[in-house]
Amino acid sequence: MLYPDVLNPELIDRIPLSARTVLDVGCGGGALGAEYKRRNPRARYFGIELDPAAAQLASARLDAVAQVDVETAPLPFGDTLFDCILYGDVLEHLRDPWAVLGLHVRRLAPGGVVVICMPNAEHWSFVERLLRGTWNYEPLGLFDATHLRWFTPETTRRALGGAGLVACDVVARVFDRAAAERFAHAMSPALRALGIDPEAYLSRSAPLQHVWRACRMVPERLQVVSTMLPPVGGVSEVRVSEPMRALGAEPAVVTAIIEGFVAPERPSDIPGVFILHRPRLLGEQGLAQLRQAMAGGHLVICEFDDNPEYLAALQHPEVLNFTGVHAVQTTTPALAQVLRRYNPEVGIFPNAVARAPDVVNHANAGRQTLFFGGINRESEWPPYIAALNRAAAMAGERLHFSIVADRGLFDALETPHKSFTPLCDYETYRELLSRSEICFMPLSDTPFNRCKSDLKFIEAAALRVTALASPTVYADSIVDGENGVLFRSQDELTQRLLRLVANPEIGRAIGTTAREQVLRERMLADQVAARISWYRSLWARRAELQAALAARVPSLASIGPAA
């Protein structure tokens, strides 16, 4: 039977992004694997599927698919060891799921994780149907006619233990809590008569499914907490929410994004880091904020991705952004060099793509769209407006301009073939960029700009959009004519823009090369292990880091993580 070709969002988010080999037992049509490969393109994703139609569909999406019965055939794919083995609503369909799990775990790589989605036999609808006498099998769902085994959280935990595994964590999937609450409330008198607490019963009966992660040994935990500025222009998503989501996919890491400077409680036996996203820590108020952040015993890290020496808000005699923390996290070597003047402990994590997006541009060879979007870049385009207008006049309706946020540039463009979008959310920004063929990226050669990252290049490249960029910053990432186009003067800008408009196939080829480079080199999945390793190394040196902090800011000497 071919089940619906959909993915389980809680399941996909529990697959470690550090995995290099994944086995999906009962992969269906491969929807889950296809999504995971978008997040981790370098992983090898294997599937096992009994249904011929589903296996054929999955074969077009995954690296390899075996159409076998896992209860009668040996585990395929040679001697491959798997970093992650998945069972998405599979074990309940087997005659002897315990034997299958125990056999498969032998192929789990050291440090590997098993991820299981299991229906909950304690779901309230079971009891309701039994009471009403309406219990019947159905084609899909909790009452699937092909379910041979029934599991509760406790029996699942025992099954994991029988296979030599220890549960790392479990997430409940609740789809209609209001209905569960109504049933528990109606049953309260009977529950109390049986000595059952109605609230405890509700917590057990509300989840339709549970998603489990298990390992041979519970990994050493790490707590990573971060603040986040309001999401404007994508910086917060790229620098905080997406990396935190990636870290949270690891069974060893517990993550949280919070407001304010008070971190959640940290268990004494778990290392913890508290990341402050682009804070403004000044004078006595800054000291008070740092004391709050350190009170829970975390190491405190400042996340910053601009040169602070050119930001007016930080030109204060008592700036504590970098001296008042244990370490600093940034995006480029040039910026790290600046920040090390204030704090020698600097980690560099270049901006990266969390998920390979769909490619939708180059749908109309007769029209090329040039995209420009950026906050605080109003001074970057005026030296080139004459060049843009010359190109617009010569290209006519073949060249369209899509401008985000910068009304000045929109008004200065002397063409009717243009559209303007006010400052928007990051999803809208990327949608507009995805429908463009060229991304205009001017940066003047200033000390501030030299420390900027190539974020706009990787955003465009991931979408197969050709970067048309100045050498400042982008020459470090772009090989001119191969994965992007560089310009150094107004005449060069006009000439190269018109060439892209006249020869769309050139831009398409350049954009394709750039996209392949990003998927190969600049995926967030490839940074997860390095981020965790850096945080753990800082924690191992916490006494040294606390002493260095106390020397820089004596008033913080008595606060910090215990050695």
Protein backbone atom coordinates (compact mmCIF):
# COMPACT_ATOMS: atom_id res chain seq x y z
CA MET A 1 0.00 0.00 0.00
CA LEU A 2 1.41 3.42 -1.00
CA TYR A 3 1.09 5.75 1.99
CA PRO A 4 0.77 9.54 1.55
CA ASP A 5 4.04 11.06 0.34
CA VAL A 6 4.45 13.56 3.18
CA LEU A 7 7.12 14.18 5.77
CA ASN A 8 6.91 14.27 9.53
CA PRO A 9 8.30 17.68 10.66
CA GLU A 10 9.14 16.50 14.18
CA LEU A 11 10.96 13.48 12.75
CA ILE A 12 13.04 15.44 10.24
CA ASP A 13 14.10 17.91 12.92
CA ARG A 14 15.41 15.06 15.09
CA ILE A 15 17.84 13.65 12.51
CA PRO A 16 21.32 14.91 13.42
CA LEU A 17 22.68 17.25 10.77
CA SER A 18 26.17 15.94 11.47
CA ALA A 19 25.18 12.51 10.08
CA ARG A 20 27.07 11.32 7.01
CA THR A 21 25.12 8.08 6.54
CA VAL A 22 21.39 7.70 7.22
CA LEU A 23 19.23 4.59 6.89
CA ASP A 24 15.47 5.13 6.58
CA VAL A 25 13.64 1.86 7.28
CA GLY A 26 10.25 2.06 5.62
CA CYS A 27 11.18 5.17 3.66
CA GLY A 28 7.95 5.30 1.66
CA GLY A 29 8.30 7.57 -1.35
CA GLY A 30 11.41 9.23 0.11
CA ALA A 31 9.86 12.57 1.10
CA LEU A 32 11.73 12.60 4.41
CA GLY A 33 15.03 11.77 2.77
CA ALA A 34 14.56 14.35 0.04
CA GLU A 35 14.06 17.06 2.64
CA TYR A 36 17.03 15.89 4.71
CA LYS A 37 19.26 15.96 1.61
CA ARG A 38 18.27 19.59 1.14
CA ARG A 39 19.63 20.31 4.61
CA ASN A 40 22.65 18.01 4.40
CA PRO A 41 23.51 17.44 0.72
CA ARG A 42 26.73 15.60 1.45
CA ALA A 43 25.06 12.87 3.50
CA ARG A 44 24.43 9.49 1.93
CA TYR A 45 20.79 8.60 2.50
CA PHE A 46 19.68 4.97 2.13
CA GLY A 47 16.13 3.69 2.14
CA ILE A 48 14.39 0.36 2.63
CA GLU A 49 10.85 0.03 1.32
CA LEU A 50 8.68 -3.01 0.68
CA ASP A 51 6.04 -1.37 -1.52
CA PRO A 52 7.23 -1.39 -5.18
CA ALA A 53 5.58 1.89 -6.19
CA ALA A 54 6.92 3.75 -3.16
CA ALA A 55 10.40 2.24 -3.62
CA GLN A 56 10.46 3.40 -7.24
CA LEU A 57 9.54 6.96 -6.21
CA ALA A 58 12.13 6.94 -3.42
CA SER A 59 14.85 5.70 -5.80
CA ALA A 60 14.67 8.99 -7.69
CA ARG A 61 15.23 10.96 -4.46
CA LEU A 62 17.65 8.97 -2.31
CA ASP A 63 21.18 7.68 -2.84
CA ALA A 64 20.11 4.04 -2.76
CA VAL A 65 16.88 2.15 -2.07
CA ALA A 66 16.44 -1.56 -1.39
CA GLN A 67 13.05 -3.17 -1.89
CA VAL A 68 13.23 -5.90 0.76
CA ASP A 69 11.29 -7.25 3.72
CA VAL A 70 13.32 -6.29 6.79
CA GLU A 71 11.91 -9.25 8.74
CA THR A 72 13.15 -11.88 6.29
CA ALA A 73 16.08 -10.37 4.37
CA PRO A 74 19.53 -9.38 5.67
CA LEU A 75 20.09 -5.68 6.13
CA PRO A 76 21.27 -4.40 2.71
CA PHE A 77 23.98 -1.92 1.64
CA GLY A 78 27.02 -4.06 2.38
CA ASP A 79 28.95 -3.29 5.54
CA THR A 80 27.91 0.37 5.72
CA LEU A 81 27.65 1.72 9.24
CA PHE A 82 24.94 4.29 9.78
CA ASP A 83 25.15 7.48 11.84
CA CYS A 84 21.37 7.49 12.06
CA ILE A 85 18.74 4.76 11.61
CA LEU A 86 15.13 5.91 11.22
CA TYR A 87 11.84 4.15 11.79
CA GLY A 88 9.03 6.52 10.87
CA ASP A 89 5.80 4.71 11.85
CA VAL A 90 7.29 1.33 10.89
CA LEU A 91 7.92 -0.88 13.93
CA GLU A 92 4.23 -1.21 14.75
CA HIS A 93 3.73 -2.90 11.34
CA LEU A 94 6.23 -5.71 12.05
CA ARG A 95 5.61 -9.16 13.49
CA ASP A 96 8.71 -8.99 15.68
CA PRO A 97 9.85 -5.34 15.84
CA TRP A 98 12.12 -6.10 18.81
CA ALA A 99 14.20 -8.59 16.82
CA VAL A 100 14.47 -6.25 13.83
CA LEU A 101 15.57 -3.34 16.00
CA GLY A 102 18.16 -5.48 17.78
CA LEU A 103 19.56 -6.72 14.47
CA HIS A 104 19.75 -3.29 12.84
CA VAL A 105 21.46 -1.67 15.81
CA ARG A 106 24.51 -3.80 15.03
CA ARG A 107 25.06 -1.54 12.02
CA LEU A 108 24.82 1.66 14.05
CA ALA A 109 28.08 3.63 13.88
CA PRO A 110 29.86 4.59 17.12
CA GLY A 111 28.01 7.58 18.52
CA GLY A 112 25.10 6.91 16.17
CA VAL A 113 21.46 7.62 16.95
CA VAL A 114 18.19 5.76 16.34
CA VAL A 115 15.12 7.92 15.65
CA ILE A 116 11.68 6.35 15.98
CA CYS A 117 8.17 7.70 15.48
CA MET A 118 5.66 5.47 17.26
CA PRO A 119 1.86 5.73 17.61
CA ASN A 120 0.64 6.01 21.18
CA ALA A 121 -1.65 3.19 22.30
CA GLU A 122 -2.67 5.35 25.29
CA HIS A 123 -4.26 7.97 23.02
CA TRP A 124 -7.64 9.06 24.34
CA SER A 125 -9.45 8.04 21.13
CA PHE A 126 -8.66 4.37 21.83
CA VAL A 127 -10.52 4.50 25.13
CA GLU A 128 -13.39 6.53 23.70
CA ARG A 129 -13.99 4.07 20.87
CA LEU A 130 -13.81 1.10 23.21
CA LEU A 131 -16.33 2.74 25.56
CA ARG A 132 -18.67 3.55 22.68
CA GLY A 133 -18.21 0.15 21.03
CA THR A 134 -17.05 1.77 17.79
CA TRP A 135 -13.46 0.46 17.64
CA ASN A 136 -12.64 -0.52 14.02
CA TYR A 137 -9.57 -0.70 11.85
CA GLU A 138 -9.05 2.05 9.25
CA PRO A 139 -6.89 2.42 6.11
CA LEU A 140 -4.51 4.93 7.74
CA GLY A 141 -3.63 6.55 11.04
CA LEU A 142 -3.77 5.30 14.59
CA PHE A 143 -6.19 2.48 13.71
CA ASP A 144 -4.29 1.38 10.60
CA ALA A 145 -5.39 -2.14 9.63
CA THR A 146 -1.77 -3.19 9.12
CA HIS A 147 -0.68 -2.37 12.69
CA LEU A 148 0.43 -5.62 14.31
CA ARG A 149 1.93 -4.24 17.51
CA TRP A 150 0.86 -1.54 19.95
CA PHE A 151 3.23 0.58 22.02
CA THR A 152 2.99 2.95 24.93
CA PRO A 153 5.88 5.19 25.99
CA GLU A 154 6.86 2.65 28.64
CA THR A 155 6.83 -0.34 26.27
CA THR A 156 8.81 1.69 23.72
CA ARG A 157 11.40 2.49 26.35
CA ARG A 158 11.66 -1.21 27.19
CA ALA A 159 12.00 -2.10 23.50
CA LEU A 160 14.88 0.35 23.16
CA GLY A 161 16.56 -1.13 26.22
CA GLY A 162 16.18 -4.64 24.82
CA ALA A 163 18.10 -3.52 21.74
CA GLY A 164 20.92 -2.12 23.85
CA LEU A 165 19.81 1.49 23.48
CA VAL A 166 19.13 4.26 25.96
CA ALA A 167 16.51 6.94 25.27
CA CYS A 168 18.08 10.38 24.82
CA ASP A 169 14.84 12.34 24.46
CA VAL A 170 11.24 12.05 23.35
CA VAL A 171 8.87 14.57 21.74
CA ALA A 172 5.09 14.22 21.86
CA ARG A 173 3.04 14.90 18.72
CA VAL A 174 -0.32 16.32 19.82
CA PHE A 175 -2.80 17.19 17.07
CA ASP A 176 -6.05 18.03 18.88
CA ARG A 177 -5.32 18.92 22.48
CA ALA A 178 -8.75 20.52 22.95
CA ALA A 179 -10.45 17.20 22.18
CA ALA A 180 -8.08 15.38 24.54
CA GLU A 181 -8.86 17.89 27.29
CA ARG A 182 -12.61 17.50 26.78
CA PHE A 183 -12.35 13.72 27.05
CA ALA A 184 -10.10 13.83 30.14
CA HIS A 185 -12.51 16.30 31.78
CA ALA A 186 -15.51 14.09 31.01
CA MET A 187 -13.67 11.08 32.43
CA SER A 188 -12.40 12.87 35.55
CA PRO A 189 -14.89 11.28 38.03
CA ALA A 190 -14.06 7.78 36.82
CA LEU A 191 -10.34 8.52 36.74
CA ARG A 192 -10.38 9.81 40.31
CA ALA A 193 -12.40 6.79 41.43
CA LEU A 194 -9.63 4.62 40.00
CA GLY A 195 -6.96 6.68 41.76
CA ILE A 196 -5.71 8.22 38.51
CA ASP A 197 -4.85 11.91 38.41
CA PRO A 198 -6.76 13.46 35.45
CA GLU A 199 -3.86 15.80 34.59
CA ALA A 200 -1.40 12.91 34.54
CA TYR A 201 -3.82 10.96 32.34
CA LEU A 202 -4.15 13.92 29.97
CA SER A 203 -0.36 14.13 29.56
CA ARG A 204 -0.30 10.44 28.59
CA SER A 205 -3.38 10.39 26.39
CA ALA A 206 -3.07 13.64 24.41
CA PRO A 207 -0.13 12.63 22.16
CA LEU A 208 -1.08 10.74 19.03
CA GLN A 209 2.56 9.79 18.46
CA HIS A 210 5.95 10.09 20.12
CA VAL A 211 9.28 10.72 18.40
CA TRP A 212 12.15 9.06 20.24
CA ARG A 213 15.90 9.41 19.92
CA ALA A 214 18.13 6.73 21.40
CA CYS A 215 21.83 5.92 21.49
CA ARG A 216 23.96 3.15 22.91
CA MET A 217 25.06 5.62 25.56
CA VAL A 218 23.48 8.93 26.48
CA PRO A 219 25.84 11.54 25.00
CA GLU A 220 27.46 14.22 27.12
CA ARG A 221 24.93 17.03 27.16
CA LEU A 222 25.52 20.64 26.16
CA GLN A 223 23.10 23.51 26.74
CA VAL A 224 23.22 26.35 24.21
CA VAL A 225 21.02 29.39 24.91
CA SER A 226 20.85 32.50 22.75
CA THR A 227 19.14 35.85 22.66
CA MET A 228 17.95 37.11 19.28
CA LEU A 229 17.27 40.58 17.94
CA PRO A 230 13.92 41.10 16.23
CA PRO A 231 14.22 39.45 12.79
CA VAL A 232 14.99 42.29 10.38
CA GLY A 233 16.72 41.68 7.07
CA GLY A 234 17.50 38.03 7.74
CA VAL A 235 20.43 38.59 10.11
CA SER A 236 18.63 37.06 13.07
CA GLU A 237 17.55 33.99 11.10
CA VAL A 238 20.97 33.34 9.59
CA ARG A 239 23.00 34.09 12.71
CA VAL A 240 20.69 32.70 15.41
CA SER A 241 17.50 30.79 14.65
CA GLU A 242 18.84 28.60 11.85
CA PRO A 243 22.10 27.67 13.65
CA MET A 244 20.18 26.98 16.87
CA ARG A 245 17.78 24.71 14.99
CA ALA A 246 20.74 22.89 13.46
CA LEU A 247 22.40 22.41 16.85
CA GLY A 248 19.12 21.22 18.34
CA ALA A 249 18.99 18.35 15.84
CA GLU A 250 21.91 16.78 17.73
CA PRO A 251 20.81 14.50 20.58
CA ALA A 252 23.59 15.88 22.81
CA VAL A 253 22.52 19.52 22.52
CA VAL A 254 19.64 21.29 24.25
CA THR A 255 18.89 24.71 22.73
CA ALA A 256 16.70 27.68 23.58
CA ILE A 257 16.17 31.16 22.14
CA ILE A 258 15.09 33.63 24.81
CA GLU A 259 14.43 37.30 25.44
CA GLY A 260 16.40 39.26 27.98
CA PHE A 261 19.57 38.32 29.81
CA VAL A 262 18.34 35.64 32.21
CA ALA A 263 19.23 32.19 30.90
CA PRO A 264 17.17 29.12 31.77
CA GLU A 265 18.39 27.06 34.67
CA ARG A 266 21.47 25.01 33.84
CA PRO A 267 21.80 21.62 35.55
CA SER A 268 25.10 21.52 37.40
CA ASP A 269 26.37 18.53 35.43
CA ILE A 270 25.68 20.01 31.96
CA PRO A 271 28.06 22.47 30.27
CA GLY A 272 26.28 25.62 29.15
CA VAL A 273 26.95 28.59 26.90
CA PHE A 274 24.81 31.72 26.68
CA ILE A 275 25.13 33.61 23.38
CA LEU A 276 24.19 37.29 23.30
CA HIS A 277 23.16 38.27 19.78
CA ARG A 278 24.52 41.71 18.86
CA PRO A 279 24.09 43.17 22.35
CA ARG A 280 24.76 46.76 23.40
CA LEU A 281 26.52 46.38 26.74
CA LEU A 282 27.44 49.81 28.07
CA GLY A 283 28.51 51.00 31.51
CA GLU A 284 26.58 50.07 34.63
CA GLN A 285 23.58 48.82 32.68
CA GLY A 286 25.83 46.55 30.67
CA LEU A 287 27.45 45.23 33.83
CA ALA A 288 24.03 44.47 35.29
CA GLN A 289 23.02 42.61 32.11
CA LEU A 290 26.23 40.57 32.15
CA ARG A 291 25.74 39.69 35.81
CA GLN A 292 22.26 38.42 34.93
CA ALA A 293 23.62 36.37 32.05
CA MET A 294 26.39 34.82 34.15
CA ALA A 295 24.29 34.16 37.25
CA GLY A 296 23.19 30.77 35.92
CA GLY A 297 26.76 29.55 35.57
CA HIS A 298 26.96 29.71 31.77
CA LEU A 299 29.91 30.81 29.72
CA VAL A 300 28.83 34.01 27.97
CA ILE A 301 29.59 34.59 24.29
CA CYS A 302 28.95 37.75 22.26
CA GLU A 303 27.74 37.07 18.71
CA PHE A 304 28.68 39.98 16.45
CA ASP A 305 29.16 40.31 12.70
CA ASP A 306 30.08 43.96 12.03
CA ASN A 307 33.17 46.04 12.73
CA PRO A 308 32.27 47.74 16.04
CA GLU A 309 34.85 50.47 15.54
CA TYR A 310 32.57 52.07 12.92
CA LEU A 311 29.26 51.74 14.78
CA ALA A 312 28.26 54.93 16.58
CA ALA A 313 26.23 53.05 19.19
CA LEU A 314 29.38 51.31 20.41
CA GLN A 315 31.62 54.38 20.58
CA HIS A 316 31.22 54.55 24.34
CA PRO A 317 34.14 54.64 26.79
CA GLU A 318 32.68 51.71 28.73
CA VAL A 319 31.69 49.26 26.01
CA LEU A 320 31.61 45.72 27.42
CA ASN A 321 30.45 43.80 24.34
CA PHE A 322 33.78 42.07 23.86
CA THR A 323 35.81 42.61 27.02
CA GLY A 324 32.97 41.65 29.37
CA VAL A 325 32.31 38.19 27.90
CA HIS A 326 34.24 34.95 27.89
CA ALA A 327 34.45 34.69 24.09
CA VAL A 328 33.23 36.25 20.85
CA GLN A 329 31.62 34.58 17.83
CA THR A 330 31.78 36.12 14.36
CA THR A 331 31.71 35.47 10.62
CA THR A 332 34.96 36.47 8.88
CA PRO A 333 38.72 36.32 9.53
CA ALA A 334 38.98 40.07 8.93
CA LEU A 335 36.40 40.81 11.58
CA ALA A 336 37.95 38.28 13.94
CA GLN A 337 41.24 40.15 13.66
CA VAL A 338 39.51 43.36 14.78
CA LEU A 339 37.68 41.67 17.66
CA ARG A 340 40.82 40.00 18.99
CA ARG A 341 42.04 43.46 19.98
CA TYR A 342 39.46 43.29 22.77
CA ASN A 343 39.23 39.56 23.45
CA PRO A 344 41.60 36.83 22.19
CA GLU A 345 38.90 34.14 22.28
CA VAL A 346 37.16 34.47 18.91
CA GLY A 347 35.38 31.71 16.99
CA ILE A 348 34.72 32.12 13.26
CA PHE A 349 31.62 30.56 11.72
CA PRO A 350 30.94 31.88 8.21
CA ASN A 351 27.35 32.53 7.26
CA ALA A 352 25.89 29.38 5.74
CA VAL A 353 22.74 28.06 4.08
CA ALA A 354 20.42 25.97 6.27
CA ARG A 355 18.48 24.36 3.43
CA ALA A 356 18.91 24.10 -0.32
CA PRO A 357 15.97 26.12 -1.68
CA ASP A 358 13.94 25.47 -4.80
CA VAL A 359 15.26 26.98 -8.02
CA VAL A 360 12.60 28.87 -9.98
CA ASN A 361 14.37 31.60 -11.97
CA HIS A 362 15.33 31.73 -15.67
CA ALA A 363 11.74 30.93 -16.62
CA ASN A 364 11.62 33.72 -19.24
CA ALA A 365 14.71 34.13 -21.44
CA GLY A 366 13.35 37.41 -22.76
CA ARG A 367 13.44 39.16 -19.39
CA GLN A 368 16.15 39.29 -16.75
CA THR A 369 15.41 40.66 -13.28
CA LEU A 370 18.10 42.46 -11.29
CA PHE A 371 17.54 42.29 -7.53
CA PHE A 372 18.83 44.72 -4.91
CA GLY A 373 17.98 44.44 -1.24
CA GLY A 374 19.91 45.56 1.79
CA ILE A 375 19.68 47.47 5.03
CA ASN A 376 22.01 50.43 5.51
CA ARG A 377 23.41 50.22 1.99
CA GLU A 378 22.04 53.54 0.76
CA SER A 379 25.57 54.88 0.24
CA GLU A 380 26.73 51.94 -1.87
CA TRP A 381 24.72 52.35 -5.08
CA PRO A 382 24.94 56.10 -5.92
CA PRO A 383 28.38 55.76 -7.63
CA TYR A 384 26.78 53.25 -10.02
CA ILE A 385 23.33 54.69 -10.70
CA ALA A 386 24.41 56.21 -14.02
CA ALA A 387 25.72 52.82 -15.13
CA LEU A 388 22.47 51.12 -14.15
CA ASN A 389 20.40 53.70 -16.01
CA ARG A 390 22.54 53.32 -19.15
CA ALA A 391 21.99 49.57 -19.04
CA ALA A 392 18.26 50.06 -18.41
CA ALA A 393 17.94 52.40 -21.40
CA MET A 394 19.74 49.99 -23.70
CA ALA A 395 18.02 46.82 -22.50
CA GLY A 396 14.49 48.23 -22.33
CA GLU A 397 11.86 45.72 -21.29
CA ARG A 398 14.41 42.90 -21.25
CA LEU A 399 15.77 44.22 -17.92
CA HIS A 400 13.54 44.52 -14.86
CA PHE A 401 14.62 45.83 -11.44
CA SER A 402 13.32 44.37 -8.15
CA ILE A 403 14.22 46.70 -5.26
CA VAL A 404 13.64 45.86 -1.59
CA ALA A 405 13.64 48.52 1.16
CA ASP A 406 15.77 51.14 -0.64
CA ARG A 407 13.27 53.66 -1.96
CA GLY A 408 16.05 56.02 -3.00
CA LEU A 409 17.47 53.56 -5.52
CA PHE A 410 14.02 52.71 -6.83
CA ASP A 411 13.23 56.38 -7.45
CA ALA A 412 16.63 56.99 -9.07
CA LEU A 413 16.16 54.24 -11.65
CA GLU A 414 15.04 55.85 -14.93
CA THR A 415 12.96 52.96 -16.23
CA PRO A 416 9.32 51.88 -16.01
CA HIS A 417 10.45 48.27 -15.68
CA LYS A 418 10.88 48.19 -11.94
CA SER A 419 9.08 47.11 -8.77
CA PHE A 420 9.49 48.11 -5.14
CA THR A 421 8.91 46.13 -1.94
CA PRO A 422 9.17 47.87 1.45
CA LEU A 423 11.25 46.33 4.21
CA CYS A 424 9.86 42.81 4.54
CA ASP A 425 10.38 39.57 6.40
CA TYR A 426 13.19 37.23 5.41
CA GLU A 427 10.89 34.72 3.73
CA THR A 428 9.52 37.42 1.41
CA TYR A 429 13.05 38.70 0.76
CA ARG A 430 14.21 35.24 -0.35
CA GLU A 431 11.09 34.71 -2.44
CA LEU A 432 11.76 37.93 -4.37
CA LEU A 433 15.41 37.02 -4.76
CA SER A 434 14.51 33.54 -6.03
CA ARG A 435 12.50 35.05 -8.91
CA SER A 436 15.47 37.14 -10.04
CA GLU A 437 18.37 36.21 -12.31
CA ILE A 438 20.94 38.80 -11.20
CA CYS A 439 21.76 40.16 -7.74
CA PHE A 440 23.45 43.57 -7.58
CA MET A 441 25.99 43.68 -4.74
CA PRO A 442 27.96 46.94 -4.58
CA LEU A 443 30.29 47.56 -1.62
CA SER A 444 32.69 50.48 -1.44
CA ASP A 445 36.22 49.76 -0.27
CA THR A 446 36.11 50.96 3.36
CA PRO A 447 37.51 49.47 6.58
CA PHE A 448 33.94 48.78 7.74
CA ASN A 449 32.93 46.98 4.54
CA ARG A 450 36.13 44.92 4.38
CA CYS A 451 34.98 43.11 7.51
CA LYS A 452 31.57 42.22 6.08
CA SER A 453 30.66 38.67 5.15
CA ASP A 454 29.63 37.30 1.77
CA LEU A 455 26.12 36.48 2.99
CA LYS A 456 24.42 38.08 0.00
CA PHE A 457 26.55 36.00 -2.35
CA ILE A 458 25.62 32.68 -0.74
CA GLU A 459 21.95 33.70 -0.51
CA ALA A 460 21.91 34.43 -4.24
CA ALA A 461 24.07 31.47 -5.22
CA ALA A 462 21.85 28.99 -3.38
CA LEU A 463 18.98 30.19 -5.58
CA ARG A 464 21.01 30.08 -8.84
CA VAL A 465 21.02 33.87 -9.02
CA THR A 466 24.14 35.38 -10.58
CA ALA A 467 26.05 37.73 -8.28
CA LEU A 468 27.03 41.01 -9.96
CA ALA A 469 29.39 42.33 -7.33
CA SER A 470 32.16 44.71 -6.43
CA PRO A 471 35.54 43.17 -5.50
CA THR A 472 35.32 44.34 -1.86
CA VAL A 473 34.47 41.22 0.18
CA TYR A 474 33.12 39.31 -2.81
CA ALA A 475 36.44 38.82 -4.62
CA ASP A 476 37.31 36.36 -1.86
CA SER A 477 34.35 34.19 -2.85
CA ILE A 478 33.80 34.89 -6.55
CA VAL A 479 35.97 33.66 -9.40
CA ASP A 480 34.99 36.18 -12.05
CA GLY A 481 32.99 34.59 -14.84
CA GLU A 482 32.78 31.19 -13.14
CA ASN A 483 30.58 31.49 -10.06
CA GLY A 484 29.78 35.21 -10.28
CA VAL A 485 30.61 38.45 -12.07
CA LEU A 486 32.79 41.25 -10.67
CA PHE A 487 32.84 44.90 -11.74
CA ARG A 488 35.39 47.59 -10.85
CA SER A 489 34.00 50.65 -12.63
CA GLN A 490 30.79 52.13 -14.00
CA ASP A 491 31.66 51.11 -17.55
CA GLU A 492 32.43 47.56 -16.45
CA LEU A 493 29.12 47.38 -14.60
CA THR A 494 27.13 48.49 -17.65
CA GLN A 495 29.02 46.16 -19.96
CA ARG A 496 28.73 43.09 -17.77
CA LEU A 497 25.10 43.67 -16.89
CA LEU A 498 24.14 44.01 -20.55
CA ARG A 499 26.07 40.83 -21.35
CA LEU A 500 24.02 38.91 -18.82
CA VAL A 501 20.80 40.37 -20.22
CA ALA A 502 21.76 39.57 -23.81
CA ASN A 503 23.00 36.05 -23.01
CA PRO A 504 20.79 34.53 -20.30
CA GLU A 505 22.42 31.14 -20.72
CA ILE A 506 25.70 32.62 -19.43
CA GLY A 507 24.05 33.79 -16.22
CA ARG A 508 22.25 30.48 -15.83
CA ALA A 509 25.53 28.57 -16.11
CA ILE A 510 27.28 30.91 -13.65
CA GLY A 511 24.38 30.64 -11.21
CA THR A 512 24.39 26.85 -11.47
CA THR A 513 28.11 26.70 -10.69
CA ALA A 514 27.65 29.02 -7.71
CA ARG A 515 24.76 26.95 -6.35
CA GLU A 516 26.79 23.75 -6.62
CA GLN A 517 29.64 25.45 -4.73
CA VAL A 518 27.34 26.55 -1.90
CA LEU A 519 25.77 23.10 -1.55
CA ARG A 520 29.25 21.61 -1.48
CA GLU A 521 31.00 24.09 0.83
CA ARG A 522 28.64 26.45 2.64
CA MET A 523 25.90 24.39 4.26
CA LEU A 524 25.08 24.89 7.91
CA ALA A 525 25.11 21.11 8.38
CA ASP A 526 28.86 21.16 7.83
CA GLN A 527 29.38 23.59 10.74
CA VAL A 528 27.45 21.77 13.44
CA ALA A 529 30.33 19.60 14.66
CA ALA A 530 32.74 22.55 14.65
CA ARG A 531 30.36 24.75 16.65
CA ILE A 532 29.79 22.06 19.26
CA SER A 533 33.52 21.34 19.47
CA TRP A 534 34.31 25.03 20.04
CA TYR A 535 31.67 25.41 22.75
CA ARG A 536 32.94 22.30 24.53
CA SER A 537 36.55 23.47 24.27
CA LEU A 538 35.60 26.80 25.85
CA TRP A 539 33.83 25.00 28.66
CA ALA A 540 36.88 22.82 29.29
CA ARG A 541 38.90 26.03 29.73
CA ARG A 542 36.28 27.90 31.74
CA ALA A 543 38.56 28.57 34.72
CA GLU A 544 41.17 30.13 32.42
CA LEU A 545 38.54 32.14 30.56
CA GLN A 546 36.97 33.37 33.80
CA ALA A 547 40.38 34.52 35.06
CA ALA A 548 41.02 36.40 31.81
CA LEU A 549 37.58 38.02 32.04
CA ALA A 550 38.24 39.07 35.63
CA ALA A 551 41.50 40.70 34.55
CA ARG A 552 39.71 42.70 31.85
CA VAL A 553 36.65 43.59 33.94
CA PRO A 554 37.43 43.18 37.67
CA SER A 555 33.85 43.91 38.71
CA LEU A 556 32.80 40.61 37.06
CA ALA A 557 35.46 38.56 38.85
CA SER A 558 33.10 36.89 41.31
CA ILE A 559 30.53 35.81 38.71
CA GLY A 560 30.86 33.01 36.20
CA PRO A 561 30.80 29.25 35.68
CA ALA A 562 32.19 27.00 38.39
CA ALA A 563 35.48 25.39 37.51
